[in-house]
Amino acid sequence: MKNRYVKSIGKEVSEIGFGTWQLAQNDTWGSMSEKDAIQLVQEAYKKGVNMFDTAPGYGNGSSEKILGKALKGIRENVVINTKVGHGPNGEYEFSIEGIRNSINRSLKNLQTNYIDSVILHNPEKSLLEQDNSLIDELRQIKKEGLIRGYGFSIDTLEELQTALNTYDDIDTIEIMFNVIQQKPKYLFNVLLDRGIFLIIKVPLDSGWLTGKYNKQPQFTGVRARWTQDVKDIRHYIINQIKEIIGDTSLSKEALRFILSFHQVSCVIPGTKNIEQLDSNISASNYLMDYETKMKLEELYEHKIKNLYTPW
């Protein structure tokens, strides 16, 4: 597993991280026993993964608790990123008191006396547009040594631009970026110049970039939001991508595309079993060749960019 140095937190992170929302014990992402979840996290660590992304709301808090148990004894060897703003039961915690309470709860759940990075979880636009007391609270908590860095989990290029215009001291940006959603790359060099911890979320486009969905898939839960028009467009895009990458694994090439951007610190695909873990890690074995990367970027600029592709 290759590592990448993150200036803002002063640590090296594995370029393939571990997204822990699937450790949540619920029906949306598939259930997993606590024992199996702990073993999966520990196996990831043994295979070189040292960056773990979590949140209070994943599994009503069970994700953080499982991670804390799994990483006991090796805490100093890993990097943990968690979030504030939404509580274990979905409660709104975008307040000074809410942020402080959330971090204290996460410290307890994770069985640690500090967290490497804490980010505001999909904050409202107003919080990105104007420096405010919530960020001041995170600055204070960082001074106290309870967190090493702070920032935002956001979705779009526009949100990223706003955050960078407003704040010059953020340490972490977690943003959606993949072969289908490429706009954030236009500001990657700015993030690199500022030494910001750049975490890529939704790298497989909520499963589309695994190639497992046909033209008319049936979804339940949060994925039921996609209309048939959206599904048709995604199906068209996936076929275009497959023409470029050939018979190689779509999910591995999708991860390699992201890792071909040296500004990226790490990518956090979901992992719910050993097979997925091994597949994700193998994407780090070698870089995507330059010609394939250019073709995928050209595909985005000429055919995908102006299509309606809500995630």
Protein backbone atom coordinates (compact mmCIF):
# COMPACT_ATOMS: atom_id res chain seq x y z
CA MET A 1 0.00 0.00 0.00
CA LYS A 2 1.38 3.40 -0.99
CA ASN A 3 1.19 6.33 1.43
CA ARG A 4 0.89 10.05 0.78
CA TYR A 5 2.13 12.80 3.09
CA VAL A 6 -0.46 15.27 4.40
CA LYS A 7 1.12 18.56 5.39
CA SER A 8 -1.84 19.92 7.39
CA ILE A 9 -1.85 17.05 9.89
CA GLY A 10 1.83 16.12 9.59
CA LYS A 11 1.23 12.45 8.86
CA GLU A 12 1.38 9.96 6.02
CA VAL A 13 -1.92 8.35 5.06
CA SER A 14 -2.62 5.26 3.01
CA GLU A 15 -3.89 6.34 -0.41
CA ILE A 16 -6.72 3.83 -0.04
CA GLY A 17 -8.66 4.65 3.11
CA PHE A 18 -11.55 2.86 4.76
CA GLY A 19 -15.03 4.38 4.62
CA THR A 20 -16.84 3.01 7.66
CA TRP A 21 -20.48 3.80 6.88
CA GLN A 22 -20.94 0.16 5.90
CA LEU A 23 -19.86 -0.92 9.36
CA ALA A 24 -23.17 0.54 10.45
CA GLN A 25 -25.50 -2.20 11.52
CA ASN A 26 -28.60 -1.36 9.51
CA ASP A 27 -30.49 -2.62 6.48
CA THR A 28 -29.61 0.30 4.20
CA TRP A 29 -26.03 -0.85 3.60
CA GLY A 30 -26.39 -4.41 4.75
CA SER A 31 -26.04 -5.66 8.29
CA MET A 32 -22.74 -6.74 9.81
CA SER A 33 -22.04 -8.17 13.23
CA GLU A 34 -19.78 -6.23 15.54
CA LYS A 35 -17.29 -9.10 15.59
CA ASP A 36 -17.08 -9.23 11.79
CA ALA A 37 -16.78 -5.44 11.59
CA ILE A 38 -13.90 -5.36 14.06
CA GLN A 39 -12.10 -8.15 12.21
CA LEU A 40 -12.57 -6.33 8.90
CA VAL A 41 -11.05 -3.09 10.25
CA GLN A 42 -8.12 -4.97 11.77
CA GLU A 43 -7.54 -6.88 8.54
CA ALA A 44 -7.50 -3.58 6.63
CA TYR A 45 -4.85 -2.26 9.02
CA LYS A 46 -2.73 -5.40 8.57
CA LYS A 47 -2.90 -4.88 4.81
CA GLY A 48 -1.61 -1.31 5.05
CA VAL A 49 -4.74 0.83 5.44
CA ASN A 50 -4.15 3.49 8.08
CA MET A 51 -6.83 6.09 7.31
CA PHE A 52 -10.37 5.58 8.61
CA ASP A 53 -13.32 7.85 7.90
CA THR A 54 -16.37 7.78 10.15
CA ALA A 55 -19.21 9.94 11.53
CA PRO A 56 -21.54 10.01 14.55
CA GLY A 57 -24.51 9.25 12.34
CA TYR A 58 -23.13 6.09 10.78
CA GLY A 59 -25.13 3.27 12.33
CA ASN A 60 -26.55 5.51 15.06
CA GLY A 61 -23.06 5.81 16.51
CA SER A 62 -22.12 2.15 16.18
CA SER A 63 -19.53 2.87 13.48
CA GLU A 64 -17.41 5.07 15.77
CA LYS A 65 -17.73 2.60 18.63
CA ILE A 66 -16.68 -0.35 16.45
CA LEU A 67 -13.74 1.62 15.11
CA GLY A 68 -12.65 2.52 18.63
CA LYS A 69 -12.65 -1.14 19.66
CA ALA A 70 -10.91 -2.29 16.49
CA LEU A 71 -8.10 0.28 16.71
CA LYS A 72 -7.39 -0.12 20.42
CA GLY A 73 -3.66 -0.52 20.90
CA ILE A 74 -2.72 0.81 17.45
CA ARG A 75 -4.28 4.28 17.68
CA GLU A 76 -0.99 6.12 17.17
CA ASN A 77 -0.43 4.28 13.89
CA VAL A 78 -3.65 5.41 12.22
CA VAL A 79 -5.42 8.55 11.06
CA ILE A 80 -9.07 9.07 12.01
CA ASN A 81 -11.41 11.52 10.34
CA THR A 82 -14.86 12.04 11.81
CA LYS A 83 -17.60 14.63 11.45
CA VAL A 84 -19.81 17.03 13.36
CA GLY A 85 -23.18 18.58 12.60
CA HIS A 86 -25.46 15.55 12.57
CA GLY A 87 -25.92 13.43 15.68
CA PRO A 88 -26.31 9.65 16.02
CA ASN A 89 -30.06 9.87 15.49
CA GLY A 90 -29.95 12.56 12.82
CA GLU A 91 -30.33 15.45 15.26
CA TYR A 92 -29.10 18.85 14.07
CA GLU A 93 -25.90 19.78 15.91
CA PHE A 94 -24.62 22.82 14.00
CA SER A 95 -24.14 24.90 17.14
CA ILE A 96 -21.23 25.71 19.44
CA GLU A 97 -22.59 23.43 22.13
CA GLY A 98 -23.51 20.76 19.59
CA ILE A 99 -20.02 20.69 18.09
CA ARG A 100 -18.32 20.52 21.48
CA ASN A 101 -20.65 17.74 22.66
CA SER A 102 -20.25 15.85 19.40
CA ILE A 103 -16.45 15.85 19.60
CA ASN A 104 -16.50 14.77 23.24
CA ARG A 105 -18.87 11.92 22.31
CA SER A 106 -16.65 10.88 19.39
CA LEU A 107 -13.55 10.89 21.59
CA LYS A 108 -15.31 8.51 23.95
CA ASN A 109 -16.67 6.29 21.17
CA LEU A 110 -13.30 6.12 19.43
CA GLN A 111 -11.43 5.49 22.70
CA THR A 112 -8.88 8.19 21.97
CA ASN A 113 -7.73 11.47 23.50
CA TYR A 114 -7.48 13.24 20.15
CA ILE A 115 -8.90 13.02 16.63
CA ASP A 116 -6.72 13.73 13.62
CA SER A 117 -9.40 15.52 11.62
CA VAL A 118 -12.95 16.70 12.34
CA ILE A 119 -15.08 18.16 9.57
CA LEU A 120 -18.45 19.85 9.35
CA HIS A 121 -20.74 17.30 7.70
CA ASN A 122 -22.45 18.85 4.65
CA PRO A 123 -22.93 22.29 6.23
CA GLU A 124 -25.42 24.82 4.95
CA LYS A 125 -24.20 27.33 2.39
CA SER A 126 -24.21 30.16 4.93
CA LEU A 127 -21.53 28.38 6.99
CA LEU A 128 -19.26 28.26 3.97
CA GLU A 129 -19.84 31.87 2.95
CA GLN A 130 -18.90 33.64 6.18
CA ASP A 131 -16.39 32.89 8.93
CA ASN A 132 -18.41 32.16 12.03
CA SER A 133 -18.50 31.06 15.65
CA LEU A 134 -18.70 27.35 14.76
CA ILE A 135 -15.32 27.46 13.07
CA ASP A 136 -13.99 29.55 15.95
CA GLU A 137 -15.07 26.72 18.26
CA LEU A 138 -13.20 24.18 16.12
CA ARG A 139 -10.15 26.45 16.20
CA GLN A 140 -10.35 26.53 19.98
CA ILE A 141 -10.76 22.77 20.25
CA LYS A 142 -7.71 22.36 18.02
CA LYS A 143 -5.72 24.64 20.35
CA GLU A 144 -6.77 22.39 23.23
CA GLY A 145 -5.23 19.43 21.40
CA LEU A 146 -8.45 17.44 21.10
CA ILE A 147 -8.33 17.61 17.30
CA ARG A 148 -5.40 18.07 14.92
CA GLY A 149 -7.31 19.56 12.03
CA TYR A 150 -10.74 20.71 10.84
CA GLY A 151 -12.59 21.47 7.64
CA PHE A 152 -15.62 20.51 5.60
CA SER A 153 -17.32 17.54 3.95
CA ILE A 154 -18.93 18.99 0.82
CA ASP A 155 -20.20 17.86 -2.56
CA THR A 156 -19.59 20.41 -5.29
CA LEU A 157 -16.98 22.62 -6.94
CA GLU A 158 -19.07 25.66 -6.06
CA GLU A 159 -19.07 24.77 -2.36
CA LEU A 160 -15.32 24.15 -2.51
CA GLN A 161 -14.67 27.53 -4.12
CA THR A 162 -16.78 29.27 -1.48
CA ALA A 163 -15.01 27.53 1.40
CA LEU A 164 -11.56 28.36 0.01
CA ASN A 165 -12.54 32.00 -0.53
CA THR A 166 -13.83 32.30 3.05
CA TYR A 167 -11.23 30.35 5.03
CA ASP A 168 -7.46 30.32 4.73
CA ASP A 169 -6.79 28.05 7.69
CA ILE A 170 -8.83 24.89 7.06
CA ASP A 171 -6.91 21.62 7.21
CA THR A 172 -9.25 19.11 5.57
CA ILE A 173 -11.60 18.93 2.62
CA GLU A 174 -13.65 15.83 1.95
CA ILE A 175 -15.38 16.09 -1.41
CA MET A 176 -17.19 13.99 -3.96
CA PHE A 177 -15.01 13.26 -7.00
CA ASN A 178 -15.01 10.40 -9.49
CA VAL A 179 -14.94 9.67 -13.21
CA ILE A 180 -18.52 10.96 -13.55
CA GLN A 181 -18.18 13.90 -11.14
CA GLN A 182 -14.90 15.60 -12.11
CA LYS A 183 -15.48 19.32 -11.51
CA PRO A 184 -13.64 19.57 -8.17
CA LYS A 185 -10.34 18.82 -9.92
CA TYR A 186 -10.26 22.41 -11.19
CA LEU A 187 -9.26 23.50 -7.66
CA PHE A 188 -7.02 20.58 -6.72
CA ASN A 189 -3.84 22.61 -7.17
CA VAL A 190 -5.12 25.25 -4.75
CA LEU A 191 -5.71 22.55 -2.16
CA LEU A 192 -2.22 21.16 -2.72
CA ASP A 193 -0.61 24.59 -2.42
CA ARG A 194 -2.34 25.09 0.93
CA GLY A 195 -1.30 21.64 2.17
CA ILE A 196 -4.90 20.60 2.72
CA PHE A 197 -5.83 16.99 3.55
CA LEU A 198 -7.89 16.05 0.46
CA ILE A 199 -10.19 13.08 1.03
CA ILE A 200 -12.26 11.78 -1.87
CA LYS A 201 -15.72 10.45 -1.02
CA VAL A 202 -18.27 8.65 -3.23
CA PRO A 203 -15.41 7.40 -5.48
CA LEU A 204 -17.56 4.72 -7.12
CA ASP A 205 -20.55 7.00 -7.70
CA SER A 206 -22.79 5.20 -5.19
CA GLY A 207 -22.09 1.87 -6.85
CA TRP A 208 -22.46 2.79 -10.53
CA LEU A 209 -18.71 2.60 -11.09
CA THR A 210 -18.64 -1.00 -9.93
CA GLY A 211 -20.55 -1.99 -13.07
CA LYS A 212 -23.07 -4.00 -11.04
CA TYR A 213 -26.17 -2.05 -12.14
CA ASN A 214 -28.03 -2.79 -15.36
CA LYS A 215 -30.09 -0.27 -17.36
CA GLN A 216 -33.18 -0.61 -15.18
CA PRO A 217 -31.97 -1.43 -11.67
CA GLN A 218 -34.43 -1.38 -8.80
CA PHE A 219 -33.33 0.46 -5.68
CA THR A 220 -34.58 0.88 -2.14
CA GLY A 221 -33.57 3.35 0.54
CA VAL A 222 -31.57 6.45 -0.38
CA ARG A 223 -30.77 5.11 -3.86
CA ALA A 224 -34.45 5.06 -4.76
CA ARG A 225 -34.06 8.81 -5.44
CA TRP A 226 -32.82 8.16 -8.99
CA THR A 227 -35.42 8.57 -11.75
CA GLN A 228 -35.38 6.37 -14.83
CA ASP A 229 -33.93 9.26 -16.85
CA VAL A 230 -31.01 9.48 -14.41
CA LYS A 231 -30.51 5.71 -14.61
CA ASP A 232 -30.51 5.83 -18.42
CA ILE A 233 -27.86 8.56 -18.45
CA ARG A 234 -25.70 6.68 -15.95
CA HIS A 235 -26.00 3.49 -18.02
CA TYR A 236 -24.88 5.40 -21.13
CA ILE A 237 -21.90 6.89 -19.27
CA ILE A 238 -20.80 3.54 -17.86
CA ASN A 239 -20.79 2.02 -21.35
CA GLN A 240 -18.63 4.92 -22.59
CA ILE A 241 -16.17 4.37 -19.75
CA LYS A 242 -16.01 0.63 -20.43
CA GLU A 243 -15.09 1.32 -24.06
CA ILE A 244 -12.05 3.23 -22.80
CA ILE A 245 -10.82 0.89 -20.06
CA GLY A 246 -11.58 -2.38 -21.87
CA ASP A 247 -11.95 -5.62 -19.94
CA THR A 248 -10.22 -4.46 -16.75
CA SER A 249 -12.10 -4.07 -13.47
CA LEU A 250 -14.30 -0.97 -13.61
CA SER A 251 -14.12 -0.33 -9.85
CA LYS A 252 -10.33 -0.66 -9.73
CA GLU A 253 -9.87 1.64 -12.71
CA ALA A 254 -12.28 4.14 -11.17
CA LEU A 255 -10.13 4.24 -8.02
CA ARG A 256 -6.92 4.42 -10.05
CA PHE A 257 -8.31 7.39 -11.97
CA ILE A 258 -8.74 9.28 -8.70
CA LEU A 259 -5.30 8.27 -7.45
CA SER A 260 -3.74 9.50 -10.70
CA PHE A 261 -4.25 13.01 -9.30
CA HIS A 262 -1.23 13.59 -7.08
CA GLN A 263 -3.09 16.30 -5.17
CA VAL A 264 -5.41 13.68 -3.67
CA SER A 265 -4.41 12.49 -0.20
CA CYS A 266 -6.63 9.41 -0.07
CA VAL A 267 -9.84 7.90 -1.37
CA ILE A 268 -12.40 6.23 0.91
CA PRO A 269 -14.37 3.48 -0.85
CA GLY A 270 -16.88 1.58 1.23
CA THR A 271 -15.80 -1.82 2.48
CA LYS A 272 -18.15 -4.49 3.78
CA ASN A 273 -16.17 -7.70 3.28
CA ILE A 274 -12.66 -9.03 2.68
CA GLU A 275 -13.24 -9.36 -1.07
CA GLN A 276 -14.09 -5.67 -1.38
CA LEU A 277 -11.17 -4.75 0.86
CA ASP A 278 -8.69 -6.68 -1.29
CA SER A 279 -10.16 -5.24 -4.49
CA ASN A 280 -9.93 -1.68 -3.15
CA ILE A 281 -6.36 -2.13 -1.94
CA SER A 282 -5.24 -3.66 -5.25
CA ALA A 283 -6.11 -0.38 -6.97
CA SER A 284 -3.00 1.02 -5.27
CA ASN A 285 -0.71 -1.54 -6.92
CA TYR A 286 -0.03 0.61 -9.96
CA LEU A 287 -1.04 3.94 -11.44
CA MET A 288 -3.44 4.37 -14.33
CA ASP A 289 -1.56 4.96 -17.56
CA TYR A 290 -1.49 8.52 -18.86
CA GLU A 291 -3.38 7.78 -22.08
CA THR A 292 -6.34 6.19 -20.25
CA LYS A 293 -6.50 9.07 -17.79
CA MET A 294 -6.55 11.60 -20.63
CA LYS A 295 -9.32 9.71 -22.43
CA LEU A 296 -11.46 9.65 -19.28
CA GLU A 297 -10.91 13.37 -18.76
CA GLU A 298 -11.81 14.06 -22.39
CA LEU A 299 -14.93 11.90 -22.04
CA TYR A 300 -15.99 14.04 -19.11
CA GLU A 301 -15.31 17.35 -20.84
CA HIS A 302 -17.02 16.42 -24.12
CA LYS A 303 -19.82 14.03 -23.17
CA ILE A 304 -20.49 13.92 -19.41
CA LYS A 305 -19.97 17.44 -18.10
CA ASN A 306 -23.25 18.87 -19.37
CA LEU A 307 -25.41 15.82 -18.64
CA TYR A 308 -27.76 15.70 -15.66
CA THR A 309 -25.92 13.42 -13.25
CA PRO A 310 -27.16 13.96 -9.68
CA TRP A 311 -25.51 11.54 -7.30
